[in-house]
C-alpha atoms as a PDB file:
ATOM      1  CA  MET A   1      22.909  -4.464 -20.626  1.00  0.00           C
ATOM      2  CA  PHE A   2      21.951  -3.498 -16.775  1.00  0.00           C
ATOM      3  CA  PHE A   3      20.035  -0.159 -16.111  1.00  0.00           C
ATOM      4  CA  ILE A   4      21.442   0.900 -12.902  1.00  0.00           C
ATOM      5  CA  SER A   5      19.773   3.776 -10.536  1.00  0.00           C
ATOM      6  CA  LYS A   6      20.039   5.100  -7.454  1.00  0.00           C
ATOM      7  CA  TYR A   7      17.488   5.897  -5.002  1.00  0.00           C
ATOM      8  CA  TYR A   8      17.338   9.387  -3.888  1.00  0.00           C
ATOM      9  CA  VAL A   9      15.949  10.113  -0.479  1.00  0.00           C
ATOM     10  CA  GLN A  10      14.857  13.815  -0.236  1.00  0.00           C
ATOM     11  CA  LYS A  11      14.760  15.530   3.034  1.00  0.00           C
ATOM     12  CA  GLU A  12      11.755  16.218   4.539  1.00  0.00           C
ATOM     13  CA  ASN A  13      10.353  19.384   3.458  1.00  0.00           C
ATOM     14  CA  LYS A  14       8.200  21.666   6.190  1.00  0.00           C
ATOM     15  CA  ASP A  15       6.129  23.992   3.384  1.00  0.00           C
ATOM     16  CA  SER A  16       2.721  23.295   3.915  1.00  0.00           C
ATOM     17  CA  LYS A  17       1.392  24.210   0.869  1.00  0.00           C
ATOM     18  CA  TYR A  18       4.081  21.566  -0.491  1.00  0.00           C
ATOM     19  CA  ARG A  19       3.296  18.715   1.746  1.00  0.00           C
ATOM     20  CA  LEU A  20      -0.627  19.575   0.703  1.00  0.00           C
ATOM     21  CA  LYS A  21       0.049  19.001  -2.788  1.00  0.00           C
ATOM     22  CA  CYS A  22       1.850  15.839  -2.150  1.00  0.00           C
ATOM     23  CA  TRP A  23      -0.999  14.382  -0.149  1.00  0.00           C
ATOM     24  CA  GLU A  24      -3.519  15.562  -2.869  1.00  0.00           C
ATOM     25  CA  ILE A  25      -1.573  13.670  -5.425  1.00  0.00           C
ATOM     26  CA  ALA A  26      -1.389  10.712  -3.477  1.00  0.00           C
ATOM     27  CA  THR A  27      -5.503  10.612  -2.674  1.00  0.00           C
ATOM     28  CA  GLY A  28      -6.015  11.582  -6.187  1.00  0.00           C
ATOM     29  CA  LEU A  29      -3.684   8.573  -7.772  1.00  0.00           C
ATOM     30  CA  GLN A  30      -6.042   5.978  -5.051  1.00  0.00           C
ATOM     31  CA  LYS A  31      -8.955   7.664  -6.495  1.00  0.00           C
ATOM     32  CA  ILE A  32      -8.041   6.716  -9.905  1.00  0.00           C
ATOM     33  CA  ASP A  33      -7.392   3.995  -9.186  1.00  0.00           C
ATOM     34  CA  GLY A  34     -10.789   2.996  -7.591  1.00  0.00           C
ATOM     35  CA  LEU A  35      -9.975   3.133  -4.088  1.00  0.00           C
ATOM     36  CA  THR A  36     -11.349   5.473  -1.489  1.00  0.00           C
ATOM     37  CA  PRO A  37      -8.831   6.773   1.295  1.00  0.00           C
ATOM     38  CA  SER A  38      -9.847   6.311   4.563  1.00  0.00           C
ATOM     39  CA  ASN A  39     -10.639   9.350   7.134  1.00  0.00           C
ATOM     40  CA  TYR A  40      -7.838   8.395   9.206  1.00  0.00           C
ATOM     41  CA  LEU A  41      -5.415   8.746   6.519  1.00  0.00           C
ATOM     42  CA  TYR A  42      -7.134  12.289   5.888  1.00  0.00           C
ATOM     43  CA  GLU A  43      -6.695  13.071   9.633  1.00  0.00           C
ATOM     44  CA  LEU A  44      -2.952  11.736   9.417  1.00  0.00           C
ATOM     45  CA  ALA A  45      -2.690  13.940   6.038  1.00  0.00           C
ATOM     46  CA  ASN A  46      -3.910  16.918   7.754  1.00  0.00           C
ATOM     47  CA  LYS A  47      -1.214  16.703  10.807  1.00  0.00           C
ATOM     48  CA  HIS A  48       1.622  15.917   8.041  1.00  0.00           C
ATOM     49  CA  ILE A  49       0.422  19.197   6.508  1.00  0.00           C
ATOM     50  CA  ASN A  50       0.435  21.224   9.418  1.00  0.00           C
ATOM     51  CA  ASN A  51       3.825  20.338  10.940  1.00  0.00           C
ATOM     52  CA  GLU A  52       2.162  18.211  13.623  1.00  0.00           C
ATOM     53  CA  CYS A  53       3.774  15.059  12.689  1.00  0.00           C
ATOM     54  CA  THR A  54       6.938  13.851  10.269  1.00  0.00           C
ATOM     55  CA  ILE A  55       6.216  11.664   7.340  1.00  0.00           C
ATOM     56  CA  ASN A  56       8.187   8.842   8.876  1.00  0.00           C
ATOM     57  CA  GLU A  57       5.239   9.250  12.176  1.00  0.00           C
ATOM     58  CA  VAL A  58       2.672   9.254   9.303  1.00  0.00           C
ATOM     59  CA  GLU A  59       4.150   5.919   8.072  1.00  0.00           C
ATOM     60  CA  GLU A  60       4.456   4.089  11.255  1.00  0.00           C
ATOM     61  CA  LYS A  61       0.976   5.173  12.396  1.00  0.00           C
ATOM     62  CA  ILE A  62      -0.390   3.578   9.199  1.00  0.00           C
ATOM     63  CA  LYS A  63       1.397  -0.022   9.959  1.00  0.00           C
ATOM     64  CA  GLN A  64       0.432   0.377  12.963  1.00  0.00           C
ATOM     65  CA  TYR A  65      -3.524   1.066  12.325  1.00  0.00           C
ATOM     66  CA  TYR A  66      -3.738  -1.625   9.824  1.00  0.00           C
ATOM     67  CA  GLU A  67      -1.852  -4.355  12.078  1.00  0.00           C
ATOM     68  CA  ASN A  68      -4.350  -3.877  14.587  1.00  0.00           C
ATOM     69  CA  GLU A  69      -7.243  -2.756  12.859  1.00  0.00           C
ATOM     70  CA  ILE A  70      -7.711  -4.831   9.715  1.00  0.00           C
ATOM     71  CA  PHE A  71      -5.936  -7.681  10.594  1.00  0.00           C
ATOM     72  CA  GLN A  72      -6.786  -8.791  13.661  1.00  0.00           C
ATOM     73  CA  PRO A  73      -9.695 -10.913  14.397  1.00  0.00           C
END
């Protein structure tokens, strides 16, 4: 028997209260796993919450950050 699930991409919500709650959940889950979110992540989250950038832009900036800052000698 196969279980088929569909991946649903939700349109970005512009409500700052909703975005804040999502970021609180995301950073809270990291803390539960013993991880500490970086100050850079909090900066990007605040920009996203305040509608200064989209979640796609946040994702791209995080990828660039780790490619340039973490994995480069």
